[in-house]
Amino acid sequence: MTSYFDEKAEQVDTGHLVAFGIKIISRYSKAGELIEMLSFAKKAALAGVADSVEEVFYDSNACFCTFKFNGDIVLGDPIERRIFAAAKETISQFEWMGCIHHRDEEDEY
């Protein structure tokens, strides 16, 4: 019998998709990670910065998310601040400009 909650057990049929033009990938196809990244993509789109984000990758093994950008993102510029704000609202743990950050509220997905 398969346990859907084992470390490397896939919980959804696909571990990657595209939402709001952003490629979304969960290393081990974890539902909660995909939910967080979909929420991030929606927030980024509503903030008008989804086109600045190429990819969001949740490393299920390391338990944090990373981002790839379309072009250079400069710390402190308005686009960077809006992307960062979207991540702080939606992603449990993520790497940003060399530092690990956490979602503002620890809501359980």
PDB file of N, CA and C in Angstrom:
ATOM      1  N   MET A   1       0.834  -1.177   0.000  1.00  0.00           N
ATOM      2  CA  MET A   1       0.000   0.000   0.000  1.00  0.00           C
ATOM      3  C   MET A   1       0.884   1.248   0.000  1.00  0.00           C
ATOM      4  N   THR A   2       0.585   2.171  -0.869  1.00  0.00           N
ATOM      5  CA  THR A   2       1.365   3.392  -0.998  1.00  0.00           C
ATOM      6  C   THR A   2       0.927   4.418   0.041  1.00  0.00           C
ATOM      7  N   SER A   3       1.900   5.023   0.700  1.00  0.00           N
ATOM      8  CA  SER A   3       1.592   6.126   1.610  1.00  0.00           C
ATOM      9  C   SER A   3       1.874   7.432   0.885  1.00  0.00           C
ATOM     10  N   TYR A   4       0.862   8.263   0.750  1.00  0.00           N
ATOM     11  CA  TYR A   4       1.018   9.545   0.067  1.00  0.00           C
ATOM     12  C   TYR A   4       1.811  10.548   0.889  1.00  0.00           C
ATOM     13  N   PHE A   5       2.145  10.194   2.130  1.00  0.00           N
ATOM     14  CA  PHE A   5       2.843  11.121   3.003  1.00  0.00           C
ATOM     15  C   PHE A   5       4.293  10.736   3.262  1.00  0.00           C
ATOM     16  N   ASP A   6       4.798   9.711   2.561  1.00  0.00           N
ATOM     17  CA  ASP A   6       6.221   9.407   2.622  1.00  0.00           C
ATOM     18  C   ASP A   6       6.994  10.548   1.985  1.00  0.00           C
ATOM     19  N   GLU A   7       8.259  10.692   2.358  1.00  0.00           N
ATOM     20  CA  GLU A   7       9.063  11.825   1.896  1.00  0.00           C
ATOM     21  C   GLU A   7       9.031  12.029   0.389  1.00  0.00           C
ATOM     22  N   LYS A   8       9.205  10.970  -0.374  1.00  0.00           N
ATOM     23  CA  LYS A   8       9.292  11.105  -1.830  1.00  0.00           C
ATOM     24  C   LYS A   8       8.031  10.653  -2.571  1.00  0.00           C
ATOM     25  N   ALA A   9       6.952  10.425  -1.835  1.00  0.00           N
ATOM     26  CA  ALA A   9       5.705   9.998  -2.466  1.00  0.00           C
ATOM     27  C   ALA A   9       5.026  11.177  -3.149  1.00  0.00           C
ATOM     28  N   GLU A  10       4.641  11.013  -4.407  1.00  0.00           N
ATOM     29  CA  GLU A  10       3.949  12.070  -5.136  1.00  0.00           C
ATOM     30  C   GLU A  10       2.503  12.148  -4.665  1.00  0.00           C
ATOM     31  N   GLN A  11       2.023  13.376  -4.439  1.00  0.00           N
ATOM     32  CA  GLN A  11       0.660  13.590  -3.983  1.00  0.00           C
ATOM     33  C   GLN A  11      -0.253  14.079  -5.099  1.00  0.00           C
ATOM     34  N   VAL A  12       0.322  14.556  -6.173  1.00  0.00           N
ATOM     35  CA  VAL A  12      -0.450  15.008  -7.330  1.00  0.00           C
ATOM     36  C   VAL A  12       0.141  14.367  -8.572  1.00  0.00           C
ATOM     37  N   ASP A  13      -0.616  14.353  -9.652  1.00  0.00           N
ATOM     38  CA  ASP A  13      -0.194  13.661 -10.857  1.00  0.00           C
ATOM     39  C   ASP A  13       0.920  14.379 -11.610  1.00  0.00           C
ATOM     40  N   THR A  14       1.021  15.670 -11.437  1.00  0.00           N
ATOM     41  CA  THR A  14       2.096  16.411 -12.094  1.00  0.00           C
ATOM     42  C   THR A  14       2.800  17.287 -11.076  1.00  0.00           C
ATOM     43  N   GLY A  15       4.108  17.384 -11.201  1.00  0.00           N
ATOM     44  CA  GLY A  15       4.879  18.201 -10.278  1.00  0.00           C
ATOM     45  C   GLY A  15       5.252  19.546 -10.850  1.00  0.00           C
ATOM     46  N   HIS A  16       4.779  19.836 -12.073  1.00  0.00           N
ATOM     47  CA  HIS A  16       5.065  21.150 -12.650  1.00  0.00           C
ATOM     48  C   HIS A  16       3.917  21.603 -13.542  1.00  0.00           C
ATOM     49  N   LEU A  17       3.746  22.895 -13.606  1.00  0.00           N
ATOM     50  CA  LEU A  17       2.706  23.497 -14.428  1.00  0.00           C
ATOM     51  C   LEU A  17       3.072  24.949 -14.655  1.00  0.00           C
ATOM     52  N   VAL A  18       2.259  25.645 -15.420  1.00  0.00           N
ATOM     53  CA  VAL A  18       2.461  27.068 -15.660  1.00  0.00           C
ATOM     54  C   VAL A  18       1.202  27.795 -15.215  1.00  0.00           C
ATOM     55  N   ALA A  19       1.373  28.812 -14.379  1.00  0.00           N
ATOM     56  CA  ALA A  19       0.251  29.623 -13.897  1.00  0.00           C
ATOM     57  C   ALA A  19       0.643  31.087 -14.003  1.00  0.00           C
ATOM     58  N   PHE A  20      -0.203  31.879 -14.640  1.00  0.00           N
ATOM     59  CA  PHE A  20       0.043  33.303 -14.829  1.00  0.00           C
ATOM     60  C   PHE A  20       1.390  33.547 -15.515  1.00  0.00           C
ATOM     61  N   GLY A  21       1.781  32.600 -16.375  1.00  0.00           N
ATOM     62  CA  GLY A  21       3.032  32.708 -17.117  1.00  0.00           C
ATOM     63  C   GLY A  21       4.265  32.276 -16.348  1.00  0.00           C
ATOM     64  N   ILE A  22       4.090  31.809 -15.124  1.00  0.00           N
ATOM     65  CA  ILE A  22       5.206  31.387 -14.273  1.00  0.00           C
ATOM     66  C   ILE A  22       5.257  29.862 -14.240  1.00  0.00           C
ATOM     67  N   LYS A  23       6.418  29.295 -14.533  1.00  0.00           N
ATOM     68  CA  LYS A  23       6.615  27.849 -14.428  1.00  0.00           C
ATOM     69  C   LYS A  23       6.718  27.497 -12.943  1.00  0.00           C
ATOM     70  N   ILE A  24       5.918  26.523 -12.511  1.00  0.00           N
ATOM     71  CA  ILE A  24       5.840  26.115 -11.105  1.00  0.00           C
ATOM     72  C   ILE A  24       6.245  24.645 -11.012  1.00  0.00           C
ATOM     73  N   ILE A  25       7.224  24.368 -10.141  1.00  0.00           N
ATOM     74  CA  ILE A  25       7.745  23.004 -10.023  1.00  0.00           C
ATOM     75  C   ILE A  25       7.879  22.621  -8.546  1.00  0.00           C
ATOM     76  N   SER A  26       7.375  21.437  -8.195  1.00  0.00           N
ATOM     77  CA  SER A  26       7.596  20.838  -6.882  1.00  0.00           C
ATOM     78  C   SER A  26       8.445  19.585  -7.116  1.00  0.00           C
ATOM     79  N   ARG A  27       9.595  19.525  -6.477  1.00  0.00           N
ATOM     80  CA  ARG A  27      10.512  18.392  -6.699  1.00  0.00           C
ATOM     81  C   ARG A  27       9.814  17.050  -6.532  1.00  0.00           C
ATOM     82  N   TYR A  28       9.043  16.887  -5.465  1.00  0.00           N
ATOM     83  CA  TYR A  28       8.387  15.604  -5.206  1.00  0.00           C
ATOM     84  C   TYR A  28       6.869  15.680  -5.389  1.00  0.00           C
ATOM     85  N   SER A  29       6.394  16.647  -6.162  1.00  0.00           N
ATOM     86  CA  SER A  29       4.963  16.771  -6.491  1.00  0.00           C
ATOM     87  C   SER A  29       4.079  16.851  -5.250  1.00  0.00           C
ATOM     88  N   LYS A  30       4.451  17.684  -4.292  1.00  0.00           N
ATOM     89  CA  LYS A  30       3.691  17.839  -3.051  1.00  0.00           C
ATOM     90  C   LYS A  30       2.561  18.849  -3.243  1.00  0.00           C
ATOM     91  N   ALA A  31       1.372  18.457  -2.861  1.00  0.00           N
ATOM     92  CA  ALA A  31       0.185  19.292  -3.042  1.00  0.00           C
ATOM     93  C   ALA A  31       0.316  20.638  -2.333  1.00  0.00           C
ATOM     94  N   GLY A  32       0.766  20.637  -1.090  1.00  0.00           N
ATOM     95  CA  GLY A  32       0.891  21.880  -0.330  1.00  0.00           C
ATOM     96  C   GLY A  32       1.857  22.857  -0.972  1.00  0.00           C
ATOM     97  N   GLU A  33       2.956  22.335  -1.520  1.00  0.00           N
ATOM     98  CA  GLU A  33       3.930  23.201  -2.195  1.00  0.00           C
ATOM     99  C   GLU A  33       3.316  23.820  -3.447  1.00  0.00           C
ATOM    100  N   LEU A  34       2.589  23.007  -4.211  1.00  0.00           N
ATOM    101  CA  LEU A  34       1.932  23.532  -5.411  1.00  0.00           C
ATOM    102  C   LEU A  34       0.888  24.583  -5.051  1.00  0.00           C
ATOM    103  N   ILE A  35       0.154  24.367  -3.969  1.00  0.00           N
ATOM    104  CA  ILE A  35      -0.833  25.351  -3.519  1.00  0.00           C
ATOM    105  C   ILE A  35      -0.148  26.675  -3.190  1.00  0.00           C
ATOM    106  N   GLU A  36       0.950  26.609  -2.449  1.00  0.00           N
ATOM    107  CA  GLU A  36       1.677  27.835  -2.099  1.00  0.00           C
ATOM    108  C   GLU A  36       2.172  28.556  -3.348  1.00  0.00           C
ATOM    109  N   MET A  37       2.745  27.808  -4.278  1.00  0.00           N
ATOM    110  CA  MET A  37       3.294  28.442  -5.485  1.00  0.00           C
ATOM    111  C   MET A  37       2.194  28.994  -6.384  1.00  0.00           C
ATOM    112  N   LEU A  38       1.055  28.312  -6.461  1.00  0.00           N
ATOM    113  CA  LEU A  38      -0.084  28.849  -7.221  1.00  0.00           C
ATOM    114  C   LEU A  38      -0.581  30.145  -6.588  1.00  0.00           C
ATOM    115  N   SER A  39      -0.647  30.168  -5.269  1.00  0.00           N
ATOM    116  CA  SER A  39      -1.056  31.387  -4.565  1.00  0.00           C
ATOM    117  C   SER A  39      -0.060  32.515  -4.833  1.00  0.00           C
ATOM    118  N   PHE A  40       1.230  32.172  -4.826  1.00  0.00           N
ATOM    119  CA  PHE A  40       2.251  33.170  -5.131  1.00  0.00           C
ATOM    120  C   PHE A  40       2.063  33.722  -6.546  1.00  0.00           C
ATOM    121  N   ALA A  41       1.872  32.827  -7.509  1.00  0.00           N
ATOM    122  CA  ALA A  41       1.717  33.254  -8.902  1.00  0.00           C
ATOM    123  C   ALA A  41       0.529  34.198  -9.055  1.00  0.00           C
ATOM    124  N   LYS A  42      -0.566  33.887  -8.383  1.00  0.00           N
ATOM    125  CA  LYS A  42      -1.751  34.750  -8.453  1.00  0.00           C
ATOM    126  C   LYS A  42      -1.446  36.119  -7.837  1.00  0.00           C
ATOM    127  N   LYS A  43      -0.803  36.144  -6.667  1.00  0.00           N
ATOM    128  CA  LYS A  43      -0.444  37.415  -6.019  1.00  0.00           C
ATOM    129  C   LYS A  43       0.496  38.226  -6.902  1.00  0.00           C
ATOM    130  N   ALA A  44       1.471  37.550  -7.512  1.00  0.00           N
ATOM    131  CA  ALA A  44       2.416  38.245  -8.396  1.00  0.00           C
ATOM    132  C   ALA A  44       1.683  38.836  -9.599  1.00  0.00           C
ATOM    133  N   ALA A  45       0.735  38.089 -10.149  1.00  0.00           N
ATOM    134  CA  ALA A  45      -0.040  38.586 -11.293  1.00  0.00           C
ATOM    135  C   ALA A  45      -0.894  39.787 -10.886  1.00  0.00           C
ATOM    136  N   LEU A  46      -1.547  39.708  -9.724  1.00  0.00           N
ATOM    137  CA  LEU A  46      -2.359  40.820  -9.248  1.00  0.00           C
ATOM    138  C   LEU A  46      -1.507  42.065  -8.979  1.00  0.00           C
ATOM    139  N   ALA A  47      -0.248  41.847  -8.585  1.00  0.00           N
ATOM    140  CA  ALA A  47       0.673  42.963  -8.328  1.00  0.00           C
ATOM    141  C   ALA A  47       1.328  43.470  -9.612  1.00  0.00           C
ATOM    142  N   GLY A  48       1.046  42.808 -10.730  1.00  0.00           N
ATOM    143  CA  GLY A  48       1.594  43.232 -12.013  1.00  0.00           C
ATOM    144  C   GLY A  48       3.049  42.868 -12.253  1.00  0.00           C
ATOM    145  N   VAL A  49       3.539  41.844 -11.548  1.00  0.00           N
ATOM    146  CA  VAL A  49       4.950  41.470 -11.687  1.00  0.00           C
ATOM    147  C   VAL A  49       5.163  40.014 -12.102  1.00  0.00           C
ATOM    148  N   ALA A  50       4.103  39.292 -12.469  1.00  0.00           N
ATOM    149  CA  ALA A  50       4.248  37.886 -12.856  1.00  0.00           C
ATOM    150  C   ALA A  50       5.180  37.725 -14.048  1.00  0.00           C
ATOM    151  N   ASP A  51       5.173  38.679 -14.967  1.00  0.00           N
ATOM    152  CA  ASP A  51       6.041  38.572 -16.139  1.00  0.00           C
ATOM    153  C   ASP A  51       7.521  38.734 -15.798  1.00  0.00           C
ATOM    154  N   SER A  52       7.832  39.147 -14.585  1.00  0.00           N
ATOM    155  CA  SER A  52       9.227  39.259 -14.143  1.00  0.00           C
ATOM    156  C   SER A  52       9.740  37.959 -13.529  1.00  0.00           C
ATOM    157  N   VAL A  53       8.832  37.001 -13.281  1.00  0.00           N
ATOM    158  CA  VAL A  53       9.203  35.722 -12.663  1.00  0.00           C
ATOM    159  C   VAL A  53       9.124  34.627 -13.718  1.00  0.00           C
ATOM    160  N   GLU A  54      10.233  33.964 -13.962  1.00  0.00           N
ATOM    161  CA  GLU A  54      10.277  32.877 -14.945  1.00  0.00           C
ATOM    162  C   GLU A  54       9.832  31.557 -14.329  1.00  0.00           C
ATOM    163  N   GLU A  55      10.339  31.259 -13.109  1.00  0.00           N
ATOM    164  CA  GLU A  55      10.116  29.944 -12.504  1.00  0.00           C
ATOM    165  C   GLU A  55      10.136  30.039 -10.986  1.00  0.00           C
ATOM    166  N   VAL A  56       9.304  29.209 -10.370  1.00  0.00           N
ATOM    167  CA  VAL A  56       9.311  29.014  -8.925  1.00  0.00           C
ATOM    168  C   VAL A  56       9.507  27.518  -8.700  1.00  0.00           C
ATOM    169  N   PHE A  57      10.515  27.167  -7.911  1.00  0.00           N
ATOM    170  CA  PHE A  57      10.859  25.759  -7.672  1.00  0.00           C
ATOM    171  C   PHE A  57      10.847  25.497  -6.176  1.00  0.00           C
ATOM    172  N   TYR A  58      10.043  24.525  -5.763  1.00  0.00           N
ATOM    173  CA  TYR A  58      10.024  24.129  -4.352  1.00  0.00           C
ATOM    174  C   TYR A  58      10.854  22.867  -4.220  1.00  0.00           C
ATOM    175  N   ASP A  59      11.959  22.958  -3.507  1.00  0.00           N
ATOM    176  CA  ASP A  59      12.809  21.803  -3.258  1.00  0.00           C
ATOM    177  C   ASP A  59      12.226  21.057  -2.062  1.00  0.00           C
ATOM    178  N   SER A  60      11.446  20.042  -2.359  1.00  0.00           N
ATOM    179  CA  SER A  60      10.749  19.282  -1.324  1.00  0.00           C
ATOM    180  C   SER A  60      11.712  18.674  -0.319  1.00  0.00           C
ATOM    181  N   ASN A  61      12.899  18.323  -0.757  1.00  0.00           N
ATOM    182  CA  ASN A  61      13.881  17.701   0.119  1.00  0.00           C
ATOM    183  C   ASN A  61      14.478  18.722   1.086  1.00  0.00           C
ATOM    184  N   ALA A  62      14.802  19.915   0.598  1.00  0.00           N
ATOM    185  CA  ALA A  62      15.395  20.954   1.432  1.00  0.00           C
ATOM    186  C   ALA A  62      14.336  21.819   2.126  1.00  0.00           C
ATOM    187  N   CYS A  63      13.084  21.686   1.728  1.00  0.00           N
ATOM    188  CA  CYS A  63      11.946  22.408   2.331  1.00  0.00           C
ATOM    189  C   CYS A  63      12.015  23.914   2.139  1.00  0.00           C
ATOM    190  N   PHE A  64      12.457  24.359   0.956  1.00  0.00           N
ATOM    191  CA  PHE A  64      12.367  25.777   0.651  1.00  0.00           C
ATOM    192  C   PHE A  64      12.221  25.996  -0.845  1.00  0.00           C
ATOM    193  N   CYS A  65      11.761  27.185  -1.180  1.00  0.00           N
ATOM    194  CA  CYS A  65      11.422  27.567  -2.542  1.00  0.00           C
ATOM    195  C   CYS A  65      12.489  28.519  -3.088  1.00  0.00           C
ATOM    196  N   THR A  66      12.764  28.410  -4.388  1.00  0.00           N
ATOM    197  CA  THR A  66      13.669  29.345  -5.054  1.00  0.00           C
ATOM    198  C   THR A  66      12.970  29.935  -6.272  1.00  0.00           C
ATOM    199  N   PHE A  67      13.496  31.038  -6.759  1.00  0.00           N
ATOM    200  CA  PHE A  67      12.902  31.764  -7.879  1.00  0.00           C
ATOM    201  C   PHE A  67      13.930  31.994  -8.968  1.00  0.00           C
ATOM    202  N   LYS A  68      13.487  31.956 -10.227  1.00  0.00           N
ATOM    203  CA  LYS A  68      14.276  32.404 -11.375  1.00  0.00           C
ATOM    204  C   LYS A  68      13.511  33.571 -11.977  1.00  0.00           C
ATOM    205  N   PHE A  69      14.248  34.594 -12.346  1.00  0.00           N
ATOM    206  CA  PHE A  69      13.616  35.810 -12.848  1.00  0.00           C
ATOM    207  C   PHE A  69      13.886  36.018 -14.328  1.00  0.00           C
ATOM    208  N   ASN A  70      12.996  36.748 -14.975  1.00  0.00           N
ATOM    209  CA  ASN A  70      13.192  37.185 -16.353  1.00  0.00           C
ATOM    210  C   ASN A  70      13.940  38.515 -16.281  1.00  0.00           C
ATOM    211  N   GLY A  71      15.224  38.488 -16.526  1.00  0.00           N
ATOM    212  CA  GLY A  71      16.038  39.695 -16.409  1.00  0.00           C
ATOM    213  C   GLY A  71      16.562  39.871 -14.998  1.00  0.00           C
ATOM    214  N   ASP A  72      17.240  40.981 -14.791  1.00  0.00           N
ATOM    215  CA  ASP A  72      17.834  41.267 -13.491  1.00  0.00           C
ATOM    216  C   ASP A  72      16.807  41.863 -12.545  1.00  0.00           C
ATOM    217  N   ILE A  73      16.804  41.367 -11.337  1.00  0.00           N
ATOM    218  CA  ILE A  73      15.968  41.914 -10.269  1.00  0.00           C
ATOM    219  C   ILE A  73      16.939  42.530  -9.261  1.00  0.00           C
ATOM    220  N   VAL A  74      16.758  43.807  -8.992  1.00  0.00           N
ATOM    221  CA  VAL A  74      17.664  44.534  -8.107  1.00  0.00           C
ATOM    222  C   VAL A  74      17.005  44.718  -6.746  1.00  0.00           C
ATOM    223  N   LEU A  75      17.739  44.352  -5.710  1.00  0.00           N
ATOM    224  CA  LEU A  75      17.244  44.490  -4.348  1.00  0.00           C
ATOM    225  C   LEU A  75      16.801  45.926  -4.088  1.00  0.00           C
ATOM    226  N   GLY A  76      15.569  46.078  -3.628  1.00  0.00           N
ATOM    227  CA  GLY A  76      15.053  47.394  -3.279  1.00  0.00           C
ATOM    228  C   GLY A  76      14.264  48.093  -4.368  1.00  0.00           C
ATOM    229  N   ASP A  77      14.336  47.603  -5.617  1.00  0.00           N
ATOM    230  CA  ASP A  77      13.557  48.279  -6.661  1.00  0.00           C
ATOM    231  C   ASP A  77      12.081  47.882  -6.532  1.00  0.00           C
ATOM    232  N   PRO A  78      11.172  48.654  -7.103  1.00  0.00           N
ATOM    233  CA  PRO A  78       9.736  48.401  -6.915  1.00  0.00           C
ATOM    234  C   PRO A  78       9.286  47.009  -7.358  1.00  0.00           C
ATOM    235  N   ILE A  79       9.823  46.491  -8.442  1.00  0.00           N
ATOM    236  CA  ILE A  79       9.432  45.157  -8.903  1.00  0.00           C
ATOM    237  C   ILE A  79       9.890  44.099  -7.906  1.00  0.00           C
ATOM    238  N   GLU A  80      11.116  44.220  -7.439  1.00  0.00           N
ATOM    239  CA  GLU A  80      11.647  43.266  -6.450  1.00  0.00           C
ATOM    240  C   GLU A  80      10.797  43.292  -5.193  1.00  0.00           C
ATOM    241  N   ARG A  81      10.414  44.459  -4.716  1.00  0.00           N
ATOM    242  CA  ARG A  81       9.628  44.586  -3.487  1.00  0.00           C
ATOM    243  C   ARG A  81       8.242  43.941  -3.640  1.00  0.00           C
ATOM    244  N   ARG A  82       7.630  44.074  -4.825  1.00  0.00           N
ATOM    245  CA  ARG A  82       6.302  43.479  -5.041  1.00  0.00           C
ATOM    246  C   ARG A  82       6.392  41.958  -5.135  1.00  0.00           C
ATOM    247  N   ILE A  83       7.437  41.452  -5.796  1.00  0.00           N
ATOM    248  CA  ILE A  83       7.621  39.995  -5.869  1.00  0.00           C
ATOM    249  C   ILE A  83       7.880  39.435  -4.472  1.00  0.00           C
ATOM    250  N   PHE A  84       8.758  40.105  -3.732  1.00  0.00           N
ATOM    251  CA  PHE A  84       9.083  39.678  -2.373  1.00  0.00           C
ATOM    252  C   PHE A  84       7.833  39.682  -1.492  1.00  0.00           C
ATOM    253  N   ALA A  85       7.012  40.709  -1.598  1.00  0.00           N
ATOM    254  CA  ALA A  85       5.782  40.798  -0.804  1.00  0.00           C
ATOM    255  C   ALA A  85       4.845  39.640  -1.124  1.00  0.00           C
ATOM    256  N   ALA A  86       4.734  39.289  -2.407  1.00  0.00           N
ATOM    257  CA  ALA A  86       3.899  38.148  -2.801  1.00  0.00           C
ATOM    258  C   ALA A  86       4.436  36.860  -2.188  1.00  0.00           C
ATOM    259  N   ALA A  87       5.750  36.690  -2.172  1.00  0.00           N
ATOM    260  CA  ALA A  87       6.356  35.495  -1.576  1.00  0.00           C
ATOM    261  C   ALA A  87       6.117  35.456  -0.066  1.00  0.00           C
ATOM    262  N   LYS A  88       6.272  36.600   0.601  1.00  0.00           N
ATOM    263  CA  LYS A  88       6.073  36.658   2.055  1.00  0.00           C
ATOM    264  C   LYS A  88       4.638  36.331   2.457  1.00  0.00           C
ATOM    265  N   GLU A  89       3.700  36.568   1.566  1.00  0.00           N
ATOM    266  CA  GLU A  89       2.296  36.281   1.862  1.00  0.00           C
ATOM    267  C   GLU A  89       1.924  34.827   1.600  1.00  0.00           C
ATOM    268  N   THR A  90       2.714  34.108   0.795  1.00  0.00           N
ATOM    269  CA  THR A  90       2.247  32.812   0.299  1.00  0.00           C
ATOM    270  C   THR A  90       3.189  31.628   0.488  1.00  0.00           C
ATOM    271  N   ILE A  91       4.486  31.848   0.539  1.00  0.00           N
ATOM    272  CA  ILE A  91       5.458  30.745   0.545  1.00  0.00           C
ATOM    273  C   ILE A  91       5.988  30.505   1.969  1.00  0.00           C
ATOM    274  N   SER A  92       5.875  29.277   2.458  1.00  0.00           N
ATOM    275  CA  SER A  92       6.292  28.944   3.824  1.00  0.00           C
ATOM    276  C   SER A  92       7.744  29.292   4.099  1.00  0.00           C
ATOM    277  N   GLN A  93       8.635  28.860   3.214  1.00  0.00           N
ATOM    278  CA  GLN A  93      10.065  29.100   3.385  1.00  0.00           C
ATOM    279  C   GLN A  93      10.686  29.254   2.010  1.00  0.00           C
ATOM    280  N   PHE A  94      11.469  30.318   1.816  1.00  0.00           N
ATOM    281  CA  PHE A  94      12.043  30.568   0.504  1.00  0.00           C
ATOM    282  C   PHE A  94      13.382  31.289   0.616  1.00  0.00           C
ATOM    283  N   GLU A  95      14.209  31.089  -0.408  1.00  0.00           N
ATOM    284  CA  GLU A  95      15.504  31.766  -0.502  1.00  0.00           C
ATOM    285  C   GLU A  95      15.296  33.040  -1.299  1.00  0.00           C
ATOM    286  N   TRP A  96      15.818  34.146  -0.766  1.00  0.00           N
ATOM    287  CA  TRP A  96      15.684  35.430  -1.441  1.00  0.00           C
ATOM    288  C   TRP A  96      16.985  36.210  -1.295  1.00  0.00           C
ATOM    289  N   MET A  97      17.645  36.439  -2.410  1.00  0.00           N
ATOM    290  CA  MET A  97      18.878  37.220  -2.442  1.00  0.00           C
ATOM    291  C   MET A  97      19.903  36.713  -1.420  1.00  0.00           C
ATOM    292  N   GLY A  98      20.001  35.378  -1.325  1.00  0.00           N
ATOM    293  CA  GLY A  98      20.994  34.747  -0.464  1.00  0.00           C
ATOM    294  C   GLY A  98      20.578  34.504   0.974  1.00  0.00           C
ATOM    295  N   CYS A  99      19.345  34.874   1.344  1.00  0.00           N
ATOM    296  CA  CYS A  99      18.852  34.668   2.713  1.00  0.00           C
ATOM    297  C   CYS A  99      17.562  33.846   2.683  1.00  0.00           C
ATOM    298  N   ILE A 100      17.341  33.099   3.752  1.00  0.00           N
ATOM    299  CA  ILE A 100      16.112  32.325   3.879  1.00  0.00           C
ATOM    300  C   ILE A 100      15.070  33.174   4.603  1.00  0.00           C
ATOM    301  N   HIS A 101      13.861  33.201   4.049  1.00  0.00           N
ATOM    302  CA  HIS A 101      12.740  33.951   4.622  1.00  0.00           C
ATOM    303  C   HIS A 101      11.557  33.008   4.820  1.00  0.00           C
ATOM    304  N   HIS A 102      10.603  33.451   5.629  1.00  0.00           N
ATOM    305  CA  HIS A 102       9.407  32.666   5.930  1.00  0.00           C
ATOM    306  C   HIS A 102       8.154  33.493   5.685  1.00  0.00           C
ATOM    307  N   ARG A 103       7.074  32.793   5.415  1.00  0.00           N
ATOM    308  CA  ARG A 103       5.783  33.443   5.230  1.00  0.00           C
ATOM    309  C   ARG A 103       5.447  34.227   6.498  1.00  0.00           C
ATOM    310  N   ASP A 104       4.785  35.385   6.309  1.00  0.00           N
ATOM    311  CA  ASP A 104       4.447  36.254   7.432  1.00  0.00           C
ATOM    312  C   ASP A 104       3.567  35.565   8.461  1.00  0.00           C
ATOM    313  N   GLU A 105       2.535  34.876   8.020  1.00  0.00           N
ATOM    314  CA  GLU A 105       1.659  34.171   8.925  1.00  0.00           C
ATOM    315  C   GLU A 105       1.836  32.687   8.694  1.00  0.00           C
ATOM    316  N   GLU A 106       1.917  31.944   9.731  1.00  0.00           N
ATOM    317  CA  GLU A 106       2.134  30.508   9.623  1.00  0.00           C
ATOM    318  C   GLU A 106       0.827  29.745   9.467  1.00  0.00           C
ATOM    319  N   ASP A 107       0.045  30.133   8.460  1.00  0.00           N
ATOM    320  CA  ASP A 107      -1.189  29.410   8.160  1.00  0.00           C
ATOM    321  C   ASP A 107      -0.839  28.047   7.578  1.00  0.00           C
ATOM    322  N   GLU A 108      -1.583  27.048   7.944  1.00  0.00           N
ATOM    323  CA  GLU A 108      -1.370  25.698   7.408  1.00  0.00           C
ATOM    324  C   GLU A 108      -2.179  25.529   6.143  1.00  0.00           C
ATOM    325  N   TYR A 109      -1.521  25.095   5.057  1.00  0.00           N
ATOM    326  CA  TYR A 109      -2.232  24.834   3.800  1.00  0.00           C
ATOM    327  C   TYR A 109      -2.656  23.397   3.761  1.00  0.00           C
TER     328      TYR A 109
END
